[in-house]
Amino acid sequence: MRYTIHASAISRYANRIYTHCLHDFPIGSGQYFFLLRIYENDGISLYALAQMGFFDKGTVSRGVQKLEEAGYIRVVPDEKDRRCRRLSVTEAAMPIIHRLLEAKEKWNQALTAGMSDEECLLLEDLMAKMVQNAKNYLDEEESE
């Protein structure tokens, strides 16, 4: 089975697409995931952002710091729990957001070209199962 090679190739191609999309902005493809998830989930916590993308807290902290330094997000302490930091995009991020959403739509269309709606739904379900299986496997490995 070569699905891991295919998944890796798709990921590398996606990084190339988003790097090209962001070529005139001071962020790279490593931050696009965080920026879009913060845009879609205004007020999300660092912890929830890490869980959403299956990232470790250090990776999220570095990515968020770059976005904050560039002026694309605000990081504010939660009013009820000062240890929790809430994230939201700034107006300066909106041109990037629009470009990313457009690139994401084109990329998804390119990836699913020639597939029926049923195939797309099946693909999404199977990939979600693979992600959950990967998480379960790592959780078991790390608990041993």
C-alpha atoms as a PDB file:
ATOM      1  CA  MET A   1       0.000   0.000   0.000  1.00  0.00           C
ATOM      2  CA  ARG A   2       1.383   3.350  -1.021  1.00  0.00           C
ATOM      3  CA  TYR A   3      -1.175   5.680   0.554  1.00  0.00           C
ATOM      4  CA  THR A   4       1.380   7.196   2.943  1.00  0.00           C
ATOM      5  CA  ILE A   5       3.600   8.143  -0.007  1.00  0.00           C
ATOM      6  CA  HIS A   6       0.598   9.679  -1.766  1.00  0.00           C
ATOM      7  CA  ALA A   7      -0.457  11.607   1.351  1.00  0.00           C
ATOM      8  CA  SER A   8       3.083  12.917   1.755  1.00  0.00           C
ATOM      9  CA  ALA A   9       3.218  14.000  -1.891  1.00  0.00           C
ATOM     10  CA  ILE A  10      -0.118  15.826  -1.618  1.00  0.00           C
ATOM     11  CA  SER A  11       1.125  17.597   1.501  1.00  0.00           C
ATOM     12  CA  ARG A  12       4.338  18.725  -0.219  1.00  0.00           C
ATOM     13  CA  TYR A  13       2.410  19.920  -3.274  1.00  0.00           C
ATOM     14  CA  ALA A  14       0.006  21.828  -1.023  1.00  0.00           C
ATOM     15  CA  ASN A  15       2.924  23.530   0.712  1.00  0.00           C
ATOM     16  CA  ARG A  16       4.221  24.614  -2.691  1.00  0.00           C
ATOM     17  CA  ILE A  17       0.808  25.993  -3.630  1.00  0.00           C
ATOM     18  CA  TYR A  18       0.469  27.973  -0.402  1.00  0.00           C
ATOM     19  CA  THR A  19       4.089  29.168  -0.476  1.00  0.00           C
ATOM     20  CA  HIS A  20       3.452  30.553  -3.963  1.00  0.00           C
ATOM     21  CA  CYS A  21       0.140  32.053  -2.824  1.00  0.00           C
ATOM     22  CA  LEU A  22       1.887  33.848   0.056  1.00  0.00           C
ATOM     23  CA  HIS A  23       5.022  34.915  -1.836  1.00  0.00           C
ATOM     24  CA  ASP A  24       4.406  38.646  -1.302  1.00  0.00           C
ATOM     25  CA  PHE A  25       3.452  38.368   2.392  1.00  0.00           C
ATOM     26  CA  PRO A  26       5.881  37.991   5.312  1.00  0.00           C
ATOM     27  CA  ILE A  27       4.543  34.581   6.348  1.00  0.00           C
ATOM     28  CA  GLY A  28       5.087  31.144   4.904  1.00  0.00           C
ATOM     29  CA  SER A  29       3.082  28.031   4.280  1.00  0.00           C
ATOM     30  CA  GLY A  30       3.781  26.961   7.856  1.00  0.00           C
ATOM     31  CA  GLN A  31       1.482  29.638   9.219  1.00  0.00           C
ATOM     32  CA  TYR A  32      -1.394  29.456   6.726  1.00  0.00           C
ATOM     33  CA  PHE A  33      -3.150  26.633   8.610  1.00  0.00           C
ATOM     34  CA  PHE A  34      -3.097  28.618  11.843  1.00  0.00           C
ATOM     35  CA  LEU A  35      -4.265  31.836  10.213  1.00  0.00           C
ATOM     36  CA  LEU A  36      -7.247  30.173   8.496  1.00  0.00           C
ATOM     37  CA  ARG A  37      -8.307  28.255  11.606  1.00  0.00           C
ATOM     38  CA  ILE A  38      -8.126  31.417  13.725  1.00  0.00           C
ATOM     39  CA  TYR A  39     -10.191  33.248  11.108  1.00  0.00           C
ATOM     40  CA  GLU A  40     -12.783  30.454  11.067  1.00  0.00           C
ATOM     41  CA  ASN A  41     -12.817  30.127  14.884  1.00  0.00           C
ATOM     42  CA  ASP A  42     -12.536  33.640  16.286  1.00  0.00           C
ATOM     43  CA  GLY A  43     -11.380  33.550  19.895  1.00  0.00           C
ATOM     44  CA  ILE A  44      -9.929  30.044  19.652  1.00  0.00           C
ATOM     45  CA  SER A  45      -7.394  29.102  22.324  1.00  0.00           C
ATOM     46  CA  LEU A  46      -3.840  27.973  21.605  1.00  0.00           C
ATOM     47  CA  TYR A  47      -4.709  24.563  23.032  1.00  0.00           C
ATOM     48  CA  ALA A  48      -7.777  24.134  20.795  1.00  0.00           C
ATOM     49  CA  LEU A  49      -5.761  25.286  17.771  1.00  0.00           C
ATOM     50  CA  ALA A  50      -3.111  22.674  18.539  1.00  0.00           C
ATOM     51  CA  GLN A  51      -5.724  19.942  18.891  1.00  0.00           C
ATOM     52  CA  MET A  52      -7.501  20.956  15.706  1.00  0.00           C
ATOM     53  CA  GLY A  53      -4.373  20.518  13.619  1.00  0.00           C
ATOM     54  CA  PHE A  54      -2.759  17.706  15.632  1.00  0.00           C
ATOM     55  CA  PHE A  55       0.215  19.967  16.402  1.00  0.00           C
ATOM     56  CA  ASP A  56       2.312  20.108  19.544  1.00  0.00           C
ATOM     57  CA  LYS A  57       2.018  23.262  21.652  1.00  0.00           C
ATOM     58  CA  GLY A  58       5.523  24.461  20.719  1.00  0.00           C
ATOM     59  CA  THR A  59       4.780  24.400  16.994  1.00  0.00           C
ATOM     60  CA  VAL A  60       1.552  26.333  17.513  1.00  0.00           C
ATOM     61  CA  SER A  61       3.243  28.862  19.806  1.00  0.00           C
ATOM     62  CA  ARG A  62       5.966  29.574  17.228  1.00  0.00           C
ATOM     63  CA  GLY A  63       3.477  29.884  14.373  1.00  0.00           C
ATOM     64  CA  VAL A  64       1.186  32.142  16.378  1.00  0.00           C
ATOM     65  CA  GLN A  65       4.124  34.287  17.463  1.00  0.00           C
ATOM     66  CA  LYS A  66       5.118  34.869  13.816  1.00  0.00           C
ATOM     67  CA  LEU A  67       1.555  35.829  12.915  1.00  0.00           C
ATOM     68  CA  GLU A  68       1.330  38.167  15.897  1.00  0.00           C
ATOM     69  CA  GLU A  69       4.682  39.807  15.096  1.00  0.00           C
ATOM     70  CA  ALA A  70       3.486  40.369  11.514  1.00  0.00           C
ATOM     71  CA  GLY A  71       0.345  42.060  12.882  1.00  0.00           C
ATOM     72  CA  TYR A  72      -2.060  39.461  11.478  1.00  0.00           C
ATOM     73  CA  ILE A  73      -3.506  38.193  14.750  1.00  0.00           C
ATOM     74  CA  ARG A  74      -4.242  39.453  18.246  1.00  0.00           C
ATOM     75  CA  VAL A  75      -3.469  37.347  21.287  1.00  0.00           C
ATOM     76  CA  VAL A  76      -5.383  38.303  24.423  1.00  0.00           C
ATOM     77  CA  PRO A  77      -5.726  36.600  27.793  1.00  0.00           C
ATOM     78  CA  ASP A  78      -9.081  34.973  28.449  1.00  0.00           C
ATOM     79  CA  GLU A  79     -11.171  37.089  30.824  1.00  0.00           C
ATOM     80  CA  LYS A  80     -12.070  34.112  33.026  1.00  0.00           C
ATOM     81  CA  ASP A  81      -8.818  32.159  32.860  1.00  0.00           C
ATOM     82  CA  ARG A  82      -5.712  34.329  32.488  1.00  0.00           C
ATOM     83  CA  ARG A  83      -3.596  31.264  31.641  1.00  0.00           C
ATOM     84  CA  CYS A  84      -5.643  30.776  28.466  1.00  0.00           C
ATOM     85  CA  ARG A  85      -4.864  32.997  25.475  1.00  0.00           C
ATOM     86  CA  ARG A  86      -7.516  33.748  22.861  1.00  0.00           C
ATOM     87  CA  LEU A  87      -6.672  34.384  19.210  1.00  0.00           C
ATOM     88  CA  SER A  88      -8.370  36.494  16.565  1.00  0.00           C
ATOM     89  CA  VAL A  89      -7.348  37.896  13.185  1.00  0.00           C
ATOM     90  CA  THR A  90      -6.728  41.582  12.557  1.00  0.00           C
ATOM     91  CA  GLU A  91      -7.921  43.663   9.640  1.00  0.00           C
ATOM     92  CA  ALA A  92      -4.370  43.494   8.245  1.00  0.00           C
ATOM     93  CA  ALA A  93      -4.828  39.739   7.754  1.00  0.00           C
ATOM     94  CA  MET A  94      -7.896  40.017   5.544  1.00  0.00           C
ATOM     95  CA  PRO A  95      -6.058  40.295   2.187  1.00  0.00           C
ATOM     96  CA  ILE A  96      -4.137  37.134   3.091  1.00  0.00           C
ATOM     97  CA  ILE A  97      -7.294  35.365   4.256  1.00  0.00           C
ATOM     98  CA  HIS A  98      -9.074  36.128   0.987  1.00  0.00           C
ATOM     99  CA  ARG A  99      -6.112  34.939  -1.062  1.00  0.00           C
ATOM    100  CA  LEU A 100      -5.802  31.761   1.016  1.00  0.00           C
ATOM    101  CA  LEU A 101      -9.502  30.948   0.749  1.00  0.00           C
ATOM    102  CA  GLU A 102      -9.352  31.377  -3.014  1.00  0.00           C
ATOM    103  CA  ALA A 103      -6.229  29.200  -3.267  1.00  0.00           C
ATOM    104  CA  LYS A 104      -7.789  26.577  -0.985  1.00  0.00           C
ATOM    105  CA  GLU A 105     -10.905  26.402  -3.171  1.00  0.00           C
ATOM    106  CA  LYS A 106      -8.855  26.037  -6.366  1.00  0.00           C
ATOM    107  CA  TRP A 107      -6.608  23.432  -4.730  1.00  0.00           C
ATOM    108  CA  ASN A 108      -9.578  21.377  -3.528  1.00  0.00           C
ATOM    109  CA  GLN A 109     -11.092  21.514  -7.023  1.00  0.00           C
ATOM    110  CA  ALA A 110      -7.787  20.397  -8.534  1.00  0.00           C
ATOM    111  CA  LEU A 111      -7.462  17.502  -6.085  1.00  0.00           C
ATOM    112  CA  THR A 112     -10.972  16.220  -6.704  1.00  0.00           C
ATOM    113  CA  ALA A 113     -11.070  16.766 -10.477  1.00  0.00           C
ATOM    114  CA  GLY A 114     -12.843  13.873 -12.160  1.00  0.00           C
ATOM    115  CA  MET A 115     -14.311  12.566  -8.895  1.00  0.00           C
ATOM    116  CA  SER A 116     -18.011  12.197  -8.262  1.00  0.00           C
ATOM    117  CA  ASP A 117     -19.666  13.723  -5.195  1.00  0.00           C
ATOM    118  CA  GLU A 118     -19.918  10.227  -3.729  1.00  0.00           C
ATOM    119  CA  GLU A 119     -16.206   9.613  -4.259  1.00  0.00           C
ATOM    120  CA  CYS A 120     -15.365  12.933  -2.602  1.00  0.00           C
ATOM    121  CA  LEU A 121     -17.496  12.058   0.433  1.00  0.00           C
ATOM    122  CA  LEU A 122     -15.960   8.593   0.647  1.00  0.00           C
ATOM    123  CA  LEU A 123     -12.472  10.054   0.379  1.00  0.00           C
ATOM    124  CA  GLU A 124     -13.201  12.519   3.175  1.00  0.00           C
ATOM    125  CA  ASP A 125     -14.590   9.762   5.406  1.00  0.00           C
ATOM    126  CA  LEU A 126     -11.636   7.449   4.753  1.00  0.00           C
ATOM    127  CA  MET A 127      -9.094  10.192   5.376  1.00  0.00           C
ATOM    128  CA  ALA A 128     -10.825  11.152   8.631  1.00  0.00           C
ATOM    129  CA  LYS A 129     -10.625   7.501   9.727  1.00  0.00           C
ATOM    130  CA  MET A 130      -6.931   7.387   8.848  1.00  0.00           C
ATOM    131  CA  VAL A 131      -6.282  10.534  10.894  1.00  0.00           C
ATOM    132  CA  GLN A 132      -8.114   9.052  13.869  1.00  0.00           C
ATOM    133  CA  ASN A 133      -6.220   5.770  13.485  1.00  0.00           C
ATOM    134  CA  ALA A 134      -2.922   7.675  13.388  1.00  0.00           C
ATOM    135  CA  LYS A 135      -3.869   9.617  16.534  1.00  0.00           C
ATOM    136  CA  ASN A 136      -4.925   6.426  18.340  1.00  0.00           C
ATOM    137  CA  TYR A 137      -1.680   4.702  17.347  1.00  0.00           C
ATOM    138  CA  LEU A 138       0.479   7.576  18.575  1.00  0.00           C
ATOM    139  CA  ASP A 139      -1.509   7.885  21.809  1.00  0.00           C
ATOM    140  CA  GLU A 140      -0.897   4.165  22.469  1.00  0.00           C
ATOM    141  CA  GLU A 141       2.806   4.411  21.587  1.00  0.00           C
ATOM    142  CA  GLU A 142       3.309   7.442  23.797  1.00  0.00           C
ATOM    143  CA  SER A 143       1.516   5.855  26.756  1.00  0.00           C
ATOM    144  CA  GLU A 144       3.818   2.802  26.757  1.00  0.00           C
END
